[in-house]
Amino acid sequence: MRKDRILYGKLLLMAMLLGGLLNCQSGEEINAVPSGTDLSQMEKDVLAKINGHRRAIGLPELRRYEPASEVARKHSEDLAAKRVSFGHVGFGERIDKLRAEIAISGAAENEGYVENFADPVAAVVNAWLASEGHRKNIEGNFDLAGTGVAKCGSEAFYFTVIFLRVAPGATPH
């Protein structure tokens, strides 16, 4: 893997994380994103908001890539369960897993956590856009994106977006 060809979004969303690096408390369930649920719609809404921003500044929309969404979803679940910490731990392994599916020439990742927001999707995307490093990923030279959401308790949401640039001549499945 050529690390110089992969963008690492290292900035944390400190304003959202203050007091929010809580894992699910005993008895709280980490909800995966079964097809057809509100969380599944949230994943689509994240990409729609990102694409709305990209369109507004003249960039092409990112296409949803389900294998990347599966990887992003698993990472969000791992964040919610505190199996990994914020800071993109395991990013290289996640991208390597996707390289088995498609030739990738560039990748980046945004992570986020919000709690007690009426519109968690807008809150996380707006926070990313207010962060130079996260906005750079959103506005980057990418073709595909995978989004993953996990819910912890009743009002805490963990978000992951994986951005991918497809290598010339490669076709996503």
N, C-alpha and C. Protein backbone atom coordinates (compact mmCIF):
# COMPACT_ATOMS: atom_id res chain seq x y z
N MET A 1 0.84 -1.18 0.00
CA MET A 1 0.00 0.00 0.00
C MET A 1 0.89 1.25 0.00
N ARG A 2 0.56 2.17 -0.86
CA ARG A 2 1.32 3.42 -0.93
C ARG A 2 0.65 4.44 -0.04
N LYS A 3 1.22 4.65 1.13
CA LYS A 3 0.61 5.57 2.08
C LYS A 3 0.63 7.00 1.58
N ASP A 4 1.59 7.32 0.68
CA ASP A 4 1.62 8.69 0.17
C ASP A 4 0.46 8.96 -0.77
N ARG A 5 -0.27 7.95 -1.19
CA ARG A 5 -1.40 8.13 -2.09
C ARG A 5 -2.73 8.11 -1.34
N ILE A 6 -2.66 7.94 -0.04
CA ILE A 6 -3.89 7.88 0.75
C ILE A 6 -3.92 9.07 1.69
N LEU A 7 -5.04 9.75 1.72
CA LEU A 7 -5.20 10.87 2.62
C LEU A 7 -5.72 10.36 3.96
N TYR A 8 -5.06 10.75 5.00
CA TYR A 8 -5.52 10.38 6.34
C TYR A 8 -6.15 11.60 6.98
N GLY A 9 -7.44 11.53 7.22
CA GLY A 9 -8.14 12.62 7.90
C GLY A 9 -7.90 12.48 9.39
N LYS A 10 -6.89 13.12 9.92
CA LYS A 10 -6.49 12.93 11.31
C LYS A 10 -7.20 13.84 12.30
N LEU A 11 -7.89 14.84 11.80
CA LEU A 11 -8.51 15.77 12.74
C LEU A 11 -9.71 15.13 13.41
N LEU A 12 -9.84 15.34 14.67
CA LEU A 12 -11.00 14.86 15.41
C LEU A 12 -12.01 15.98 15.53
N LEU A 13 -13.23 15.63 15.63
CA LEU A 13 -14.27 16.62 15.80
C LEU A 13 -14.42 16.89 17.30
N MET A 14 -13.49 17.67 17.83
CA MET A 14 -13.41 17.87 19.27
C MET A 14 -14.69 18.48 19.84
N ALA A 15 -15.28 19.41 19.13
CA ALA A 15 -16.49 20.03 19.68
C ALA A 15 -17.59 19.00 19.86
N MET A 16 -17.67 18.03 18.97
CA MET A 16 -18.69 17.01 19.09
C MET A 16 -18.29 15.94 20.08
N LEU A 17 -17.02 15.77 20.28
CA LEU A 17 -16.55 14.68 21.11
C LEU A 17 -16.45 15.03 22.57
N LEU A 18 -16.36 16.32 22.89
CA LEU A 18 -16.24 16.70 24.29
C LEU A 18 -17.41 16.13 25.08
N GLY A 19 -17.08 15.34 26.03
CA GLY A 19 -18.11 14.71 26.82
C GLY A 19 -18.84 13.62 26.08
N GLY A 20 -18.40 13.32 24.88
CA GLY A 20 -19.13 12.35 24.08
C GLY A 20 -18.37 11.11 23.73
N LEU A 21 -17.20 10.91 24.28
CA LEU A 21 -16.46 9.69 24.00
C LEU A 21 -16.96 8.57 24.91
N LEU A 22 -18.25 8.53 25.03
CA LEU A 22 -18.87 7.52 25.87
C LEU A 22 -19.15 6.30 25.03
N ASN A 23 -18.90 5.16 25.60
CA ASN A 23 -19.33 3.96 24.92
C ASN A 23 -20.72 3.62 25.41
N CYS A 24 -21.33 2.65 24.77
CA CYS A 24 -22.65 2.26 25.21
C CYS A 24 -22.56 1.80 26.65
N GLN A 25 -23.48 2.27 27.45
CA GLN A 25 -23.53 1.89 28.86
C GLN A 25 -24.07 0.47 28.98
N SER A 26 -23.83 -0.14 30.08
CA SER A 26 -24.32 -1.48 30.34
C SER A 26 -25.82 -1.52 30.08
N GLY A 27 -26.25 -2.49 29.31
CA GLY A 27 -27.67 -2.62 29.01
C GLY A 27 -28.11 -1.89 27.76
N GLU A 28 -27.26 -0.98 27.24
CA GLU A 28 -27.62 -0.30 25.99
C GLU A 28 -27.16 -1.15 24.82
N GLU A 29 -27.94 -1.15 23.81
CA GLU A 29 -27.65 -1.97 22.65
C GLU A 29 -27.02 -1.12 21.56
N ILE A 30 -26.02 -1.70 20.89
CA ILE A 30 -25.46 -1.07 19.70
C ILE A 30 -26.28 -1.58 18.53
N ASN A 31 -26.90 -0.67 17.85
CA ASN A 31 -27.75 -1.05 16.74
C ASN A 31 -26.99 -0.98 15.44
N ALA A 32 -26.92 -2.10 14.77
CA ALA A 32 -26.36 -2.13 13.43
C ALA A 32 -27.39 -1.50 12.51
N VAL A 33 -27.17 -1.55 11.23
CA VAL A 33 -28.06 -0.87 10.30
C VAL A 33 -28.73 -1.90 9.41
N PRO A 34 -29.77 -2.54 9.91
CA PRO A 34 -30.48 -3.48 9.05
C PRO A 34 -31.14 -2.74 7.90
N SER A 35 -31.22 -3.39 6.78
CA SER A 35 -31.81 -2.78 5.59
C SER A 35 -33.22 -2.30 5.89
N GLY A 36 -33.56 -1.12 5.40
CA GLY A 36 -34.91 -0.59 5.53
C GLY A 36 -35.20 0.13 6.84
N THR A 37 -34.20 0.33 7.68
CA THR A 37 -34.44 1.02 8.95
C THR A 37 -34.09 2.49 8.82
N ASP A 38 -34.41 3.25 9.87
CA ASP A 38 -34.06 4.67 9.87
C ASP A 38 -32.55 4.87 9.77
N LEU A 39 -31.76 3.98 10.38
CA LEU A 39 -30.31 4.13 10.30
C LEU A 39 -29.81 3.93 8.87
N SER A 40 -30.42 3.02 8.16
CA SER A 40 -30.07 2.83 6.76
C SER A 40 -30.37 4.10 5.96
N GLN A 41 -31.48 4.74 6.27
CA GLN A 41 -31.81 6.01 5.61
C GLN A 41 -30.82 7.09 6.00
N MET A 42 -30.38 7.07 7.26
CA MET A 42 -29.38 8.06 7.70
C MET A 42 -28.10 7.92 6.89
N GLU A 43 -27.70 6.69 6.60
CA GLU A 43 -26.50 6.48 5.78
C GLU A 43 -26.67 7.14 4.41
N LYS A 44 -27.83 6.96 3.82
CA LYS A 44 -28.11 7.57 2.52
C LYS A 44 -28.16 9.09 2.64
N ASP A 45 -28.73 9.59 3.74
CA ASP A 45 -28.84 11.04 3.95
C ASP A 45 -27.47 11.69 4.11
N VAL A 46 -26.53 11.00 4.77
CA VAL A 46 -25.17 11.54 4.90
C VAL A 46 -24.59 11.76 3.51
N LEU A 47 -24.69 10.76 2.65
CA LEU A 47 -24.13 10.90 1.30
C LEU A 47 -24.88 11.97 0.52
N ALA A 48 -26.19 12.06 0.69
CA ALA A 48 -26.97 13.09 -0.01
C ALA A 48 -26.51 14.49 0.41
N LYS A 49 -26.27 14.70 1.70
CA LYS A 49 -25.80 16.02 2.17
C LYS A 49 -24.40 16.32 1.65
N ILE A 50 -23.54 15.31 1.66
CA ILE A 50 -22.19 15.50 1.11
C ILE A 50 -22.28 15.84 -0.37
N ASN A 51 -23.10 15.11 -1.10
CA ASN A 51 -23.25 15.38 -2.53
C ASN A 51 -23.90 16.73 -2.79
N GLY A 52 -24.80 17.17 -1.93
CA GLY A 52 -25.37 18.50 -2.07
C GLY A 52 -24.30 19.57 -1.97
N HIS A 53 -23.39 19.40 -1.03
CA HIS A 53 -22.27 20.34 -0.89
C HIS A 53 -21.38 20.28 -2.13
N ARG A 54 -21.07 19.08 -2.58
CA ARG A 54 -20.19 18.94 -3.76
C ARG A 54 -20.83 19.61 -4.98
N ARG A 55 -22.12 19.38 -5.19
CA ARG A 55 -22.81 20.02 -6.32
C ARG A 55 -22.75 21.53 -6.21
N ALA A 56 -22.94 22.05 -5.00
CA ALA A 56 -22.97 23.51 -4.79
C ALA A 56 -21.65 24.17 -5.14
N ILE A 57 -20.56 23.43 -5.06
CA ILE A 57 -19.25 24.01 -5.40
C ILE A 57 -18.72 23.48 -6.73
N GLY A 58 -19.59 22.84 -7.51
CA GLY A 58 -19.23 22.43 -8.85
C GLY A 58 -18.48 21.12 -8.97
N LEU A 59 -18.52 20.29 -7.94
CA LEU A 59 -17.85 18.99 -7.99
C LEU A 59 -18.85 17.89 -8.34
N PRO A 60 -18.38 16.83 -8.98
CA PRO A 60 -19.29 15.72 -9.28
C PRO A 60 -19.71 14.99 -8.00
N GLU A 61 -20.88 14.40 -8.07
CA GLU A 61 -21.38 13.63 -6.94
C GLU A 61 -20.57 12.35 -6.77
N LEU A 62 -20.52 11.88 -5.54
CA LEU A 62 -19.92 10.59 -5.22
C LEU A 62 -20.99 9.53 -5.37
N ARG A 63 -20.62 8.39 -5.93
CA ARG A 63 -21.56 7.28 -6.02
C ARG A 63 -21.42 6.40 -4.78
N ARG A 64 -22.54 5.92 -4.30
CA ARG A 64 -22.54 5.01 -3.15
C ARG A 64 -21.94 3.68 -3.60
N TYR A 65 -21.03 3.18 -2.80
CA TYR A 65 -20.38 1.90 -3.07
C TYR A 65 -20.63 1.00 -1.87
N GLU A 66 -21.51 0.02 -2.05
CA GLU A 66 -21.98 -0.79 -0.92
C GLU A 66 -20.86 -1.52 -0.18
N PRO A 67 -19.85 -2.10 -0.85
CA PRO A 67 -18.77 -2.72 -0.07
C PRO A 67 -18.10 -1.72 0.89
N ALA A 68 -17.94 -0.47 0.47
CA ALA A 68 -17.36 0.55 1.36
C ALA A 68 -18.34 0.89 2.48
N SER A 69 -19.63 0.88 2.20
CA SER A 69 -20.61 1.14 3.25
C SER A 69 -20.59 0.03 4.29
N GLU A 70 -20.43 -1.21 3.86
CA GLU A 70 -20.34 -2.32 4.81
C GLU A 70 -19.13 -2.15 5.73
N VAL A 71 -18.00 -1.76 5.16
CA VAL A 71 -16.78 -1.54 5.96
C VAL A 71 -16.97 -0.35 6.89
N ALA A 72 -17.56 0.73 6.38
CA ALA A 72 -17.80 1.93 7.20
C ALA A 72 -18.78 1.62 8.33
N ARG A 73 -19.81 0.86 8.03
CA ARG A 73 -20.80 0.49 9.05
C ARG A 73 -20.15 -0.31 10.18
N LYS A 74 -19.32 -1.27 9.81
CA LYS A 74 -18.63 -2.09 10.81
C LYS A 74 -17.73 -1.21 11.67
N HIS A 75 -17.05 -0.24 11.05
CA HIS A 75 -16.19 0.65 11.82
C HIS A 75 -17.02 1.51 12.78
N SER A 76 -18.16 2.01 12.34
CA SER A 76 -19.02 2.79 13.23
C SER A 76 -19.48 1.94 14.41
N GLU A 77 -19.82 0.69 14.15
CA GLU A 77 -20.21 -0.22 15.22
C GLU A 77 -19.05 -0.45 16.19
N ASP A 78 -17.84 -0.59 15.65
CA ASP A 78 -16.66 -0.76 16.51
C ASP A 78 -16.40 0.48 17.35
N LEU A 79 -16.61 1.66 16.77
CA LEU A 79 -16.47 2.90 17.54
C LEU A 79 -17.49 2.94 18.68
N ALA A 80 -18.73 2.62 18.36
CA ALA A 80 -19.79 2.66 19.37
C ALA A 80 -19.51 1.67 20.50
N ALA A 81 -18.95 0.52 20.18
CA ALA A 81 -18.67 -0.51 21.18
C ALA A 81 -17.34 -0.29 21.89
N LYS A 82 -16.61 0.75 21.48
CA LYS A 82 -15.28 1.06 22.04
C LYS A 82 -14.26 -0.06 21.76
N ARG A 83 -14.47 -0.79 20.66
CA ARG A 83 -13.46 -1.76 20.25
C ARG A 83 -12.29 -1.05 19.60
N VAL A 84 -12.54 0.15 19.09
CA VAL A 84 -11.50 1.02 18.54
C VAL A 84 -11.78 2.43 19.03
N SER A 85 -10.75 3.28 18.98
CA SER A 85 -10.93 4.66 19.40
C SER A 85 -10.97 5.57 18.18
N PHE A 86 -11.48 6.79 18.38
CA PHE A 86 -11.45 7.77 17.31
C PHE A 86 -9.99 8.05 16.95
N GLY A 87 -9.75 8.36 15.70
CA GLY A 87 -8.40 8.65 15.24
C GLY A 87 -8.01 7.76 14.08
N HIS A 88 -8.94 7.07 13.49
CA HIS A 88 -8.74 6.30 12.27
C HIS A 88 -7.87 5.07 12.48
N VAL A 89 -7.94 4.49 13.67
CA VAL A 89 -7.24 3.25 13.94
C VAL A 89 -7.74 2.18 12.97
N GLY A 90 -6.84 1.51 12.28
CA GLY A 90 -7.21 0.45 11.35
C GLY A 90 -7.63 0.93 9.97
N PHE A 91 -7.43 2.21 9.69
CA PHE A 91 -7.83 2.74 8.38
C PHE A 91 -7.16 1.96 7.23
N GLY A 92 -5.87 1.71 7.35
CA GLY A 92 -5.16 0.98 6.30
C GLY A 92 -5.75 -0.40 6.05
N GLU A 93 -6.12 -1.08 7.12
CA GLU A 93 -6.73 -2.41 6.97
C GLU A 93 -8.10 -2.32 6.30
N ARG A 94 -8.86 -1.28 6.63
CA ARG A 94 -10.17 -1.13 5.99
C ARG A 94 -10.00 -0.90 4.49
N ILE A 95 -9.02 -0.09 4.13
CA ILE A 95 -8.80 0.18 2.70
C ILE A 95 -8.25 -1.06 2.00
N ASP A 96 -7.37 -1.79 2.67
CA ASP A 96 -6.85 -3.03 2.07
C ASP A 96 -7.99 -4.01 1.79
N LYS A 97 -8.96 -4.08 2.69
CA LYS A 97 -10.12 -4.96 2.47
C LYS A 97 -10.87 -4.53 1.21
N LEU A 98 -11.02 -3.23 1.02
CA LEU A 98 -11.72 -2.74 -0.17
C LEU A 98 -10.89 -2.91 -1.43
N ARG A 99 -9.57 -2.87 -1.31
CA ARG A 99 -8.71 -3.11 -2.48
C ARG A 99 -8.90 -4.51 -3.04
N ALA A 100 -9.35 -5.43 -2.22
CA ALA A 100 -9.64 -6.78 -2.71
C ALA A 100 -10.87 -6.77 -3.62
N GLU A 101 -11.70 -5.73 -3.51
CA GLU A 101 -12.91 -5.60 -4.32
C GLU A 101 -12.69 -4.79 -5.59
N ILE A 102 -11.83 -3.75 -5.49
CA ILE A 102 -11.66 -2.81 -6.60
C ILE A 102 -10.28 -2.14 -6.48
N ALA A 103 -9.72 -1.78 -7.62
CA ALA A 103 -8.44 -1.06 -7.62
C ALA A 103 -8.68 0.38 -7.17
N ILE A 104 -7.99 0.78 -6.13
CA ILE A 104 -8.16 2.09 -5.52
C ILE A 104 -6.87 2.87 -5.66
N SER A 105 -6.97 4.13 -6.10
CA SER A 105 -5.76 4.97 -6.19
C SER A 105 -5.72 6.03 -5.11
N GLY A 106 -6.76 6.14 -4.31
CA GLY A 106 -6.77 7.10 -3.21
C GLY A 106 -7.94 6.84 -2.29
N ALA A 107 -7.78 7.19 -1.04
CA ALA A 107 -8.84 6.96 -0.06
C ALA A 107 -8.70 7.94 1.09
N ALA A 108 -9.81 8.21 1.75
CA ALA A 108 -9.83 9.04 2.95
C ALA A 108 -11.02 8.60 3.79
N GLU A 109 -11.05 9.08 5.01
CA GLU A 109 -12.11 8.68 5.94
C GLU A 109 -12.46 9.83 6.87
N ASN A 110 -13.75 9.99 7.11
CA ASN A 110 -14.24 10.90 8.14
C ASN A 110 -14.98 10.07 9.18
N GLU A 111 -14.76 10.41 10.44
CA GLU A 111 -15.47 9.80 11.56
C GLU A 111 -16.20 10.90 12.31
N GLY A 112 -17.30 10.55 12.94
CA GLY A 112 -17.99 11.54 13.75
C GLY A 112 -18.88 10.90 14.77
N TYR A 113 -19.20 11.67 15.78
CA TYR A 113 -20.07 11.24 16.86
C TYR A 113 -20.95 12.43 17.22
N VAL A 114 -22.24 12.20 17.33
CA VAL A 114 -23.14 13.23 17.82
C VAL A 114 -24.13 12.60 18.78
N GLU A 115 -24.57 13.42 19.71
CA GLU A 115 -25.53 12.95 20.71
C GLU A 115 -26.51 14.08 21.00
N ASN A 116 -27.77 13.71 21.09
CA ASN A 116 -28.84 14.64 21.46
C ASN A 116 -29.02 15.78 20.46
N PHE A 117 -28.95 15.48 19.17
CA PHE A 117 -29.25 16.45 18.13
C PHE A 117 -30.55 16.04 17.45
N ALA A 118 -31.39 17.00 17.15
CA ALA A 118 -32.64 16.71 16.46
C ALA A 118 -32.37 16.12 15.08
N ASP A 119 -31.32 16.60 14.42
CA ASP A 119 -30.94 16.09 13.10
C ASP A 119 -29.46 15.69 13.15
N PRO A 120 -29.17 14.45 13.59
CA PRO A 120 -27.78 14.04 13.74
C PRO A 120 -26.99 14.07 12.43
N VAL A 121 -27.66 13.78 11.31
CA VAL A 121 -26.96 13.78 10.02
C VAL A 121 -26.49 15.20 9.69
N ALA A 122 -27.37 16.18 9.80
CA ALA A 122 -26.97 17.56 9.53
C ALA A 122 -25.88 18.00 10.49
N ALA A 123 -25.99 17.61 11.76
CA ALA A 123 -24.98 18.01 12.75
C ALA A 123 -23.61 17.49 12.38
N VAL A 124 -23.51 16.22 12.01
CA VAL A 124 -22.19 15.67 11.72
C VAL A 124 -21.63 16.21 10.41
N VAL A 125 -22.46 16.32 9.38
CA VAL A 125 -21.96 16.83 8.10
C VAL A 125 -21.55 18.30 8.24
N ASN A 126 -22.35 19.10 8.94
CA ASN A 126 -21.98 20.50 9.16
C ASN A 126 -20.68 20.63 9.94
N ALA A 127 -20.48 19.76 10.93
CA ALA A 127 -19.22 19.78 11.69
C ALA A 127 -18.05 19.42 10.79
N TRP A 128 -18.22 18.43 9.94
CA TRP A 128 -17.15 18.06 9.00
C TRP A 128 -16.84 19.22 8.06
N LEU A 129 -17.87 19.89 7.57
CA LEU A 129 -17.64 21.02 6.66
C LEU A 129 -16.95 22.18 7.35
N ALA A 130 -17.13 22.31 8.66
CA ALA A 130 -16.48 23.37 9.43
C ALA A 130 -15.04 23.03 9.79
N SER A 131 -14.64 21.79 9.55
CA SER A 131 -13.29 21.32 9.86
C SER A 131 -12.49 21.23 8.56
N GLU A 132 -11.38 21.93 8.48
CA GLU A 132 -10.60 21.99 7.24
C GLU A 132 -10.25 20.60 6.71
N GLY A 133 -9.75 19.74 7.57
CA GLY A 133 -9.32 18.41 7.13
C GLY A 133 -10.48 17.55 6.66
N HIS A 134 -11.59 17.58 7.38
CA HIS A 134 -12.75 16.80 6.98
C HIS A 134 -13.38 17.35 5.71
N ARG A 135 -13.44 18.68 5.60
CA ARG A 135 -13.98 19.30 4.38
C ARG A 135 -13.11 18.94 3.18
N LYS A 136 -11.79 18.90 3.38
CA LYS A 136 -10.88 18.52 2.29
C LYS A 136 -11.23 17.12 1.77
N ASN A 137 -11.55 16.21 2.68
CA ASN A 137 -11.96 14.87 2.25
C ASN A 137 -13.27 14.92 1.47
N ILE A 138 -14.25 15.67 1.98
CA ILE A 138 -15.55 15.78 1.31
C ILE A 138 -15.39 16.37 -0.08
N GLU A 139 -14.49 17.32 -0.23
CA GLU A 139 -14.30 18.01 -1.51
C GLU A 139 -13.20 17.38 -2.35
N GLY A 140 -12.67 16.25 -1.92
CA GLY A 140 -11.53 15.63 -2.57
C GLY A 140 -11.86 14.98 -3.91
N ASN A 141 -10.81 14.57 -4.59
CA ASN A 141 -10.89 13.93 -5.89
C ASN A 141 -11.24 12.45 -5.70
N PHE A 142 -12.50 12.21 -5.39
CA PHE A 142 -12.98 10.86 -5.15
C PHE A 142 -14.17 10.56 -6.04
N ASP A 143 -14.41 9.27 -6.27
CA ASP A 143 -15.50 8.82 -7.13
C ASP A 143 -16.62 8.16 -6.35
N LEU A 144 -16.24 7.42 -5.30
CA LEU A 144 -17.17 6.58 -4.56
C LEU A 144 -17.12 6.93 -3.09
N ALA A 145 -18.18 6.56 -2.39
CA ALA A 145 -18.20 6.73 -0.94
C ALA A 145 -19.03 5.61 -0.33
N GLY A 146 -18.62 5.23 0.86
CA GLY A 146 -19.40 4.31 1.67
C GLY A 146 -19.69 4.98 2.99
N THR A 147 -20.93 4.88 3.45
CA THR A 147 -21.32 5.51 4.70
C THR A 147 -21.81 4.45 5.67
N GLY A 148 -21.45 4.63 6.94
CA GLY A 148 -21.90 3.70 7.97
C GLY A 148 -22.33 4.44 9.21
N VAL A 149 -23.44 4.02 9.80
CA VAL A 149 -23.97 4.63 11.01
C VAL A 149 -24.26 3.54 12.02
N ALA A 150 -23.90 3.79 13.27
CA ALA A 150 -24.29 2.92 14.37
C ALA A 150 -24.92 3.80 15.44
N LYS A 151 -25.89 3.25 16.13
CA LYS A 151 -26.60 3.98 17.17
C LYS A 151 -26.34 3.29 18.51
N CYS A 152 -26.03 4.10 19.49
CA CYS A 152 -25.77 3.59 20.83
C CYS A 152 -26.79 4.24 21.77
N GLY A 153 -27.61 3.45 22.42
CA GLY A 153 -28.64 4.03 23.27
C GLY A 153 -29.70 4.69 22.42
N SER A 154 -30.30 5.74 22.95
CA SER A 154 -31.41 6.35 22.23
C SER A 154 -31.03 7.56 21.40
N GLU A 155 -29.92 8.24 21.72
CA GLU A 155 -29.62 9.50 21.04
C GLU A 155 -28.17 9.66 20.59
N ALA A 156 -27.35 8.63 20.68
CA ALA A 156 -25.93 8.74 20.30
C ALA A 156 -25.71 8.02 18.98
N PHE A 157 -25.07 8.71 18.04
CA PHE A 157 -24.83 8.16 16.71
C PHE A 157 -23.35 8.27 16.36
N TYR A 158 -22.82 7.21 15.77
CA TYR A 158 -21.43 7.16 15.30
C TYR A 158 -21.48 7.06 13.78
N PHE A 159 -20.70 7.89 13.12
CA PHE A 159 -20.70 7.97 11.66
C PHE A 159 -19.30 7.69 11.11
N THR A 160 -19.25 6.99 10.00
CA THR A 160 -18.01 6.81 9.25
C THR A 160 -18.34 6.99 7.78
N VAL A 161 -17.50 7.76 7.08
CA VAL A 161 -17.59 7.85 5.62
C VAL A 161 -16.22 7.48 5.08
N ILE A 162 -16.20 6.57 4.13
CA ILE A 162 -14.98 6.19 3.43
C ILE A 162 -15.09 6.71 2.01
N PHE A 163 -14.12 7.52 1.62
CA PHE A 163 -14.06 8.11 0.29
C PHE A 163 -13.04 7.33 -0.53
N LEU A 164 -13.38 7.01 -1.79
CA LEU A 164 -12.49 6.22 -2.63
C LEU A 164 -12.33 6.86 -4.01
N ARG A 165 -11.11 6.82 -4.51
CA ARG A 165 -10.83 7.19 -5.90
C ARG A 165 -10.49 5.88 -6.61
N VAL A 166 -11.24 5.60 -7.65
CA VAL A 166 -11.04 4.37 -8.41
C VAL A 166 -9.85 4.54 -9.33
N ALA A 167 -8.99 3.52 -9.35
CA ALA A 167 -7.82 3.56 -10.23
C ALA A 167 -8.28 3.61 -11.68
N PRO A 168 -7.49 4.31 -12.53
CA PRO A 168 -7.86 4.39 -13.95
C PRO A 168 -8.08 3.00 -14.54
N GLY A 169 -9.18 2.85 -15.26
CA GLY A 169 -9.48 1.59 -15.92
C GLY A 169 -10.23 0.59 -15.05
N ALA A 170 -10.32 0.83 -13.76
CA ALA A 170 -11.03 -0.09 -12.87
C ALA A 170 -12.52 0.22 -12.88
N THR A 171 -13.32 -0.78 -12.68
CA THR A 171 -14.77 -0.61 -12.64
C THR A 171 -15.29 -1.19 -11.34
N PRO A 172 -16.04 -0.40 -10.56
CA PRO A 172 -16.61 -0.96 -9.32
C PRO A 172 -17.65 -2.01 -9.62
N HIS A 173 -17.75 -3.00 -8.76
CA HIS A 173 -18.75 -4.06 -8.92
C HIS A 173 -20.10 -3.53 -8.54
